[in-house]
């Protein structure tokens, strides 16, 4: 499930299963304002390819302009769509499509996407490429070969400058960090040789005024349990700190005895800051506290784990007296209220979370 708050109103949207729901945050529990079924679409659908690899598709973005949010066009749960690279922009007020855009040269559904908070850009992964799109028109501004990798967990930082995600293939995987650069400063990588034709094709195609520079191609994973594992079966959720100086990857591997690993990096240098493991599995993407000092993660055990961002120490395990596990969470604009989304409800955490 995904949970996003409106940038100015006391409202929120959740996306889970086949339902989009708009909520009023003026009451606790939140009151439902609108709900739309996108059946047979599946948000965050897990699919296995012909090689038996697990992939995660779907999801929605926040609403940077307060009017529209984006999602991959729904597709039947038992087959791929005819045009897999189609994105819908939907209206916040009624949750219905306002416009669509078809991404050219796409053969597979979009695995991951996110939008920048400055209302300018949409980044997507599709068919071994990372593409940067104009948020308002859907035009592809730049397209970058990901080295034969698929990429999941894409996320923009709060300054709309950096993008992070997990790239993987049959041969392994790596954690990456990109930076948005003006086209005058962007340096395209050498053309690659396409097998078996041996044709030279560009790795970077830029048609707008900005592009994505790969600044950290393989962030340090030493001392992480999956350093030598094939990351193709790893679910990745990515979140940046409020000051954009720290990025945390939440990793869950289907073959690991460890339920979850959190790995934090310094964004400017790419230096790994810490790594922590838990036998419990996460249930959704974590959220930084507004002051940036702690990270709160919803767990399948129906608890909230609170980690200290400085060193990754587990500060608290907060049990929740809810009938259903929390699948998503987000802080309200007041910086104190934490909203918890279950499959059927959106409620406030009964108290404040701090060190």
Protein backbone atom coordinates (compact mmCIF):
# COMPACT_ATOMS: atom_id res chain seq x y z
CA UNK A 1 0.00 0.00 0.00
CA UNK A 2 1.05 3.60 -0.64
CA UNK A 3 0.00 6.68 1.31
CA UNK A 4 0.45 10.30 0.17
CA UNK A 5 -0.71 13.53 1.78
CA UNK A 6 -1.95 16.50 -0.21
CA UNK A 7 0.65 19.32 -0.16
CA UNK A 8 -1.80 21.96 1.14
CA UNK A 9 -5.10 20.35 2.15
CA UNK A 10 -5.91 18.16 5.16
CA UNK A 11 -6.40 15.19 2.82
CA UNK A 12 -4.61 12.01 1.81
CA UNK A 13 -4.76 9.26 -0.81
CA UNK A 14 -4.06 5.57 -0.32
CA UNK A 15 -3.50 2.98 -3.05
CA UNK A 16 -3.74 -0.67 -2.19
CA UNK A 17 -4.92 -3.80 -3.95
CA UNK A 18 -7.29 -2.51 -6.60
CA UNK A 19 -8.58 0.53 -4.71
CA UNK A 20 -7.74 4.23 -4.74
CA UNK A 21 -9.15 6.05 -1.72
CA UNK A 22 -9.22 9.77 -0.86
CA UNK A 23 -9.46 10.70 2.82
CA UNK A 24 -10.20 13.77 4.94
CA UNK A 25 -7.67 14.20 7.75
CA UNK A 26 -9.89 16.52 9.79
CA UNK A 27 -11.13 13.59 11.89
CA UNK A 28 -9.57 10.55 13.54
CA UNK A 29 -10.07 8.00 12.05
CA UNK A 30 -9.87 9.79 8.73
CA UNK A 31 -13.17 10.05 6.84
CA UNK A 32 -13.44 8.58 3.34
CA UNK A 33 -14.21 11.20 0.69
CA UNK A 34 -14.01 9.14 -2.50
CA UNK A 35 -13.05 5.67 -3.62
CA UNK A 36 -12.42 4.24 -7.08
CA UNK A 37 -11.81 0.65 -8.11
CA UNK A 38 -9.20 0.14 -10.78
CA UNK A 39 -9.92 -3.59 -11.08
CA UNK A 40 -8.40 -5.64 -12.52
CA UNK A 41 -5.34 -3.45 -11.90
CA UNK A 42 -2.98 -4.42 -9.11
CA UNK A 43 -0.83 -1.85 -7.33
CA UNK A 44 2.59 -3.11 -6.31
CA UNK A 45 1.89 -6.38 -8.14
CA UNK A 46 4.45 -9.15 -7.73
CA UNK A 47 5.08 -11.16 -10.89
CA UNK A 48 7.56 -13.85 -11.90
CA UNK A 49 9.18 -13.65 -15.33
CA UNK A 50 9.93 -16.66 -17.53
CA UNK A 51 13.25 -17.13 -15.76
CA UNK A 52 11.55 -17.36 -12.37
CA UNK A 53 12.69 -13.92 -11.21
CA UNK A 54 10.43 -11.89 -8.93
CA UNK A 55 9.54 -8.39 -10.14
CA UNK A 56 7.41 -5.66 -8.58
CA UNK A 57 5.29 -3.40 -10.77
CA UNK A 58 2.83 -0.59 -10.35
CA UNK A 59 2.38 2.02 -7.68
CA UNK A 60 1.42 5.69 -7.72
CA UNK A 61 3.26 8.95 -7.13
CA UNK A 62 2.52 11.83 -4.81
CA UNK A 63 0.84 14.96 -6.16
CA UNK A 64 3.57 17.60 -6.47
CA UNK A 65 1.22 20.17 -8.02
CA UNK A 66 -1.70 19.39 -5.70
CA UNK A 67 -3.93 18.55 -8.65
CA UNK A 68 -2.71 15.36 -10.33
CA UNK A 69 -0.89 12.18 -9.37
CA UNK A 70 0.50 9.52 -11.71
CA UNK A 71 0.22 5.75 -11.95
CA UNK A 72 0.95 3.11 -14.52
CA UNK A 73 -2.17 2.44 -16.56
CA UNK A 74 -4.02 -0.52 -15.03
CA UNK A 75 -3.58 -3.91 -16.67
CA UNK A 76 -5.28 -7.29 -16.18
CA UNK A 77 -3.79 -9.39 -13.41
CA UNK A 78 -3.35 -12.41 -15.69
CA UNK A 79 -1.66 -10.76 -18.67
CA UNK A 80 0.43 -7.82 -19.83
CA UNK A 81 -1.34 -4.91 -21.55
CA UNK A 82 -1.04 -4.24 -25.26
CA UNK A 83 0.77 -0.97 -24.50
CA UNK A 84 2.70 -1.61 -21.27
CA UNK A 85 4.41 1.79 -21.16
CA UNK A 86 1.30 3.90 -20.56
CA UNK A 87 1.10 6.33 -17.65
CA UNK A 88 -2.09 7.93 -16.37
CA UNK A 89 -2.30 11.29 -14.64
CA UNK A 90 -5.33 11.23 -12.36
CA UNK A 91 -7.16 14.09 -10.67
CA UNK A 92 -6.88 14.27 -6.90
CA UNK A 93 -10.50 15.33 -6.39
CA UNK A 94 -12.31 12.46 -8.15
CA UNK A 95 -9.43 9.97 -8.70
CA UNK A 96 -10.30 9.69 -12.41
CA UNK A 97 -7.90 9.92 -15.38
CA UNK A 98 -7.17 13.41 -16.71
CA UNK A 99 -4.63 12.47 -19.40
CA UNK A 100 -2.31 9.67 -20.47
CA UNK A 101 1.11 9.37 -22.08
CA UNK A 102 2.63 6.42 -23.93
CA UNK A 103 6.35 5.93 -23.37
CA UNK A 104 8.01 5.03 -26.70
CA UNK A 105 10.28 2.01 -27.15
CA UNK A 106 8.81 0.08 -24.23
CA UNK A 107 8.07 -3.64 -24.19
CA UNK A 108 7.51 -4.30 -20.47
CA UNK A 109 5.32 -2.76 -17.76
CA UNK A 110 6.86 0.08 -15.78
CA UNK A 111 8.59 -1.40 -12.75
CA UNK A 112 9.09 1.73 -10.69
CA UNK A 113 8.39 5.47 -10.85
CA UNK A 114 8.44 8.61 -8.75
CA UNK A 115 7.91 12.34 -9.25
CA UNK A 116 9.92 15.31 -8.07
CA UNK A 117 8.47 17.61 -5.43
CA UNK A 118 9.17 20.71 -7.53
CA UNK A 119 6.42 19.63 -9.98
CA UNK A 120 8.91 19.25 -12.83
CA UNK A 121 9.92 15.62 -13.38
CA UNK A 122 8.76 12.03 -13.44
CA UNK A 123 11.36 9.24 -13.38
CA UNK A 124 10.48 5.70 -14.51
CA UNK A 125 12.21 2.37 -15.06
CA UNK A 126 11.26 0.45 -18.16
CA UNK A 127 12.92 -2.23 -20.28
CA UNK A 128 16.50 -1.79 -18.96
CA UNK A 129 16.29 2.01 -19.22
CA UNK A 130 15.79 4.87 -16.78
CA UNK A 131 13.78 7.71 -18.32
CA UNK A 132 13.20 11.27 -17.15
CA UNK A 133 9.84 12.73 -18.21
CA UNK A 134 8.36 16.21 -18.11
CA UNK A 135 5.71 16.03 -15.37
CA UNK A 136 3.26 18.31 -17.21
CA UNK A 137 3.48 16.90 -20.75
CA UNK A 138 4.74 13.33 -20.33
CA UNK A 139 7.48 14.00 -22.88
CA UNK A 140 10.66 11.94 -22.46
CA UNK A 141 13.44 14.43 -21.65
CA UNK A 142 16.27 11.92 -21.37
CA UNK A 143 16.69 8.14 -21.57
CA UNK A 144 19.59 6.23 -20.01
CA UNK A 145 20.67 2.61 -20.44
CA UNK A 146 20.89 0.89 -17.05
CA UNK A 147 23.50 -1.68 -18.09
CA UNK A 148 21.01 -4.46 -18.74
CA UNK A 149 19.47 -4.01 -15.29
CA UNK A 150 15.89 -3.48 -14.21
CA UNK A 151 15.48 -0.91 -11.45
CA UNK A 152 13.02 -0.87 -8.54
CA UNK A 153 12.44 1.42 -5.58
CA UNK A 154 13.07 4.65 -7.53
CA UNK A 155 12.73 7.77 -5.37
CA UNK A 156 13.46 11.49 -5.70
CA UNK A 157 15.07 13.40 -2.85
CA UNK A 158 13.22 16.42 -1.35
CA UNK A 159 15.33 18.91 -3.34
CA UNK A 160 14.42 17.23 -6.66
CA UNK A 161 18.13 16.83 -7.39
CA UNK A 162 18.90 13.14 -6.74
CA UNK A 163 17.25 9.81 -7.64
CA UNK A 164 18.07 6.46 -6.00
CA UNK A 165 17.07 2.85 -6.61
CA UNK A 166 18.10 -0.82 -6.77
CA UNK A 167 19.18 -2.17 -10.18
CA UNK A 168 19.32 -5.93 -10.69
CA UNK A 169 19.69 -8.64 -13.31
CA UNK A 170 20.37 -12.38 -13.42
CA UNK A 171 24.03 -11.66 -12.62
CA UNK A 172 23.42 -9.68 -9.45
CA UNK A 173 22.49 -6.16 -8.50
CA UNK A 174 23.65 -2.81 -7.21
CA UNK A 175 22.35 0.23 -5.38
CA UNK A 176 22.58 3.38 -7.50
CA UNK A 177 22.35 7.14 -7.18
CA UNK A 178 21.69 9.58 -10.02
CA UNK A 179 21.83 13.40 -10.14
CA UNK A 180 19.81 15.76 -12.35
CA UNK A 181 22.27 17.89 -14.31
CA UNK A 182 21.72 20.71 -16.83
CA UNK A 183 22.36 19.51 -20.36
CA UNK A 184 25.34 21.88 -20.68
CA UNK A 185 27.05 20.02 -17.82
CA UNK A 186 25.93 16.52 -18.72
CA UNK A 187 28.60 14.17 -20.10
CA UNK A 188 27.18 11.27 -22.11
CA UNK A 189 28.77 7.86 -21.60
CA UNK A 190 30.51 6.09 -24.50
CA UNK A 191 28.26 4.18 -26.89
CA UNK A 192 27.77 0.52 -26.04
CA UNK A 193 28.05 -2.47 -28.36
CA UNK A 194 24.72 -4.22 -28.81
CA UNK A 195 24.98 -8.00 -28.99
CA UNK A 196 24.86 -9.93 -31.30
CA UNK A 197 24.74 -7.29 -34.05
CA UNK A 198 27.79 -5.46 -32.64
CA UNK A 199 26.02 -2.23 -33.46
CA UNK A 200 27.10 0.79 -31.43
CA UNK A 201 24.14 2.41 -29.71
CA UNK A 202 24.16 5.40 -27.33
CA UNK A 203 23.75 4.80 -23.60
CA UNK A 204 22.32 8.28 -23.04
CA UNK A 205 19.79 10.03 -25.29
CA UNK A 206 18.98 13.59 -24.23
CA UNK A 207 16.27 15.66 -25.90
CA UNK A 208 15.58 18.24 -23.19
CA UNK A 209 17.44 20.65 -20.94
CA UNK A 210 18.33 18.18 -18.14
CA UNK A 211 19.56 14.59 -17.86
CA UNK A 212 20.39 11.97 -15.22
CA UNK A 213 24.08 11.58 -14.39
CA UNK A 214 24.98 8.29 -12.73
CA UNK A 215 27.11 9.51 -9.81
CA UNK A 216 27.30 6.30 -7.75
CA UNK A 217 26.99 3.15 -9.85
CA UNK A 218 27.49 0.53 -7.18
CA UNK A 219 27.15 1.79 -3.62
CA UNK A 220 29.28 -0.12 -1.11
CA UNK A 221 27.55 -3.29 0.12
CA UNK A 222 30.40 -4.87 2.07
CA UNK A 223 29.29 -6.54 5.29
CA UNK A 224 25.74 -6.72 4.01
CA UNK A 225 24.23 -10.19 4.08
CA UNK A 226 23.39 -10.15 0.37
CA UNK A 227 26.71 -8.86 -0.95
CA UNK A 228 27.22 -12.01 -3.03
CA UNK A 229 23.58 -12.83 -3.63
CA UNK A 230 21.53 -12.35 -6.76
CA UNK A 231 19.42 -9.30 -5.95
CA UNK A 232 16.82 -10.08 -8.62
CA UNK A 233 14.52 -11.41 -5.90
CA UNK A 234 14.92 -8.41 -3.61
CA UNK A 235 12.17 -5.92 -2.89
CA UNK A 236 13.54 -2.39 -2.45
CA UNK A 237 11.88 0.64 -0.87
CA UNK A 238 13.85 3.89 -0.89
CA UNK A 239 13.52 7.02 1.23
CA UNK A 240 15.60 10.20 1.54
CA UNK A 241 16.05 12.25 4.71
CA UNK A 242 14.36 15.69 4.89
CA UNK A 243 17.71 17.44 4.31
CA UNK A 244 18.52 15.12 1.34
CA UNK A 245 21.90 14.17 2.83
CA UNK A 246 20.97 10.57 3.71
CA UNK A 247 19.30 7.85 1.63
CA UNK A 248 18.06 4.61 3.17
CA UNK A 249 17.30 1.44 1.20
CA UNK A 250 14.93 -1.02 2.84
CA UNK A 251 15.69 -4.45 1.35
CA UNK A 252 13.78 -7.71 1.65
CA UNK A 253 15.16 -10.82 -0.08
CA UNK A 254 13.02 -13.91 -0.59
CA UNK A 255 16.01 -16.25 -0.02
CA UNK A 256 17.52 -14.52 3.01
CA UNK A 257 17.16 -15.77 6.56
CA UNK A 258 17.12 -12.13 7.56
CA UNK A 259 13.68 -10.59 7.10
CA UNK A 260 14.78 -7.03 6.38
CA UNK A 261 17.93 -4.97 5.98
CA UNK A 262 18.19 -1.19 6.17
CA UNK A 263 21.24 0.33 4.52
CA UNK A 264 21.99 4.06 4.85
CA UNK A 265 24.35 6.13 2.70
CA UNK A 266 25.69 9.66 2.69
CA UNK A 267 24.28 11.20 -0.51
CA UNK A 268 27.12 13.61 -1.44
CA UNK A 269 29.93 11.06 -1.04
CA UNK A 270 28.12 7.74 -1.51
CA UNK A 271 29.78 6.49 1.69
CA UNK A 272 27.89 3.77 3.55
CA UNK A 273 26.93 5.03 7.00
CA UNK A 274 25.41 1.94 8.55
CA UNK A 275 23.54 -1.30 7.94
CA UNK A 276 21.11 -3.01 10.30
CA UNK A 277 19.15 -6.24 10.03
CA UNK A 278 15.94 -7.60 11.49
CA UNK A 279 14.35 -11.04 11.45
CA UNK A 280 11.02 -9.25 11.11
CA UNK A 281 9.85 -8.16 7.66
CA UNK A 282 8.79 -4.65 6.78
CA UNK A 283 5.24 -4.09 5.59
CA UNK A 284 5.78 -0.80 3.79
CA UNK A 285 8.14 2.11 3.13
CA UNK A 286 9.51 3.86 6.19
CA UNK A 287 9.21 7.57 6.92
CA UNK A 288 11.76 9.97 8.37
CA UNK A 289 10.63 12.03 11.32
CA UNK A 290 10.36 15.69 10.28
CA UNK A 291 13.52 16.56 12.23
CA UNK A 292 15.44 13.85 10.33
CA UNK A 293 16.79 12.17 13.47
CA UNK A 294 14.74 8.96 13.34
CA UNK A 295 13.24 6.59 10.77
CA UNK A 296 9.92 4.82 11.44
CA UNK A 297 9.22 1.52 9.64
CA UNK A 298 5.91 -0.43 9.72
CA UNK A 299 6.51 -4.14 10.33
CA UNK A 300 4.48 -7.26 9.59
CA UNK A 301 4.37 -7.97 13.32
CA UNK A 302 2.00 -4.98 13.64
CA UNK A 303 4.68 -2.87 15.30
CA UNK A 304 6.51 0.31 14.43
CA UNK A 305 10.30 0.08 14.54
CA UNK A 306 12.00 3.39 15.31
CA UNK A 307 15.65 3.66 14.19
CA UNK A 308 18.18 6.38 15.01
CA UNK A 309 19.39 7.82 11.71
CA UNK A 310 22.84 8.71 13.06
CA UNK A 311 23.95 5.09 13.52
CA UNK A 312 20.98 2.80 12.68
CA UNK A 313 20.36 1.79 16.29
CA UNK A 314 16.89 0.40 17.01
CA UNK A 315 15.44 2.82 19.57
CA UNK A 316 11.91 1.52 20.03
CA UNK A 317 9.51 -1.26 19.10
CA UNK A 318 6.04 0.22 19.37
CA UNK A 319 3.17 -2.33 19.41
CA UNK A 320 -0.07 -1.22 17.77
CA UNK A 321 -3.51 -2.06 19.08
CA UNK A 322 -5.03 -2.31 15.62
CA UNK A 323 -7.05 -5.11 14.07
CA UNK A 324 -4.93 -5.05 10.90
CA UNK A 325 -1.22 -4.50 10.27
CA UNK A 326 -0.08 -1.03 9.24
CA UNK A 327 0.82 -1.06 5.54
CA UNK A 328 1.88 2.58 5.09
CA UNK A 329 2.55 5.66 7.19
CA UNK A 330 3.22 9.39 6.78
CA UNK A 331 3.69 12.43 8.99
CA UNK A 332 1.12 15.20 8.80
CA UNK A 333 2.23 18.70 7.85
CA UNK A 334 2.20 19.70 11.53
CA UNK A 335 5.31 17.52 11.97
CA UNK A 336 3.85 15.74 14.99
CA UNK A 337 0.88 13.64 13.86
CA UNK A 338 1.69 10.26 12.33
CA UNK A 339 -0.98 8.72 10.10
CA UNK A 340 -1.16 4.92 9.86
CA UNK A 341 -2.87 3.20 6.93
CA UNK A 342 -4.31 -0.30 7.23
CA UNK A 343 -6.24 -2.12 4.55
CA UNK A 344 -9.53 -0.57 5.64
CA UNK A 345 -8.73 2.55 7.68
CA UNK A 346 -6.47 5.58 8.16
CA UNK A 347 -5.83 6.48 11.81
CA UNK A 348 -3.51 8.62 13.90
CA UNK A 349 -0.79 7.07 16.02
CA UNK A 350 -1.90 7.59 19.66
CA UNK A 351 0.97 9.80 20.81
CA UNK A 352 4.21 11.32 19.60
CA UNK A 353 7.28 9.46 18.37
CA UNK A 354 10.60 10.99 19.36
CA UNK A 355 13.93 10.05 20.95
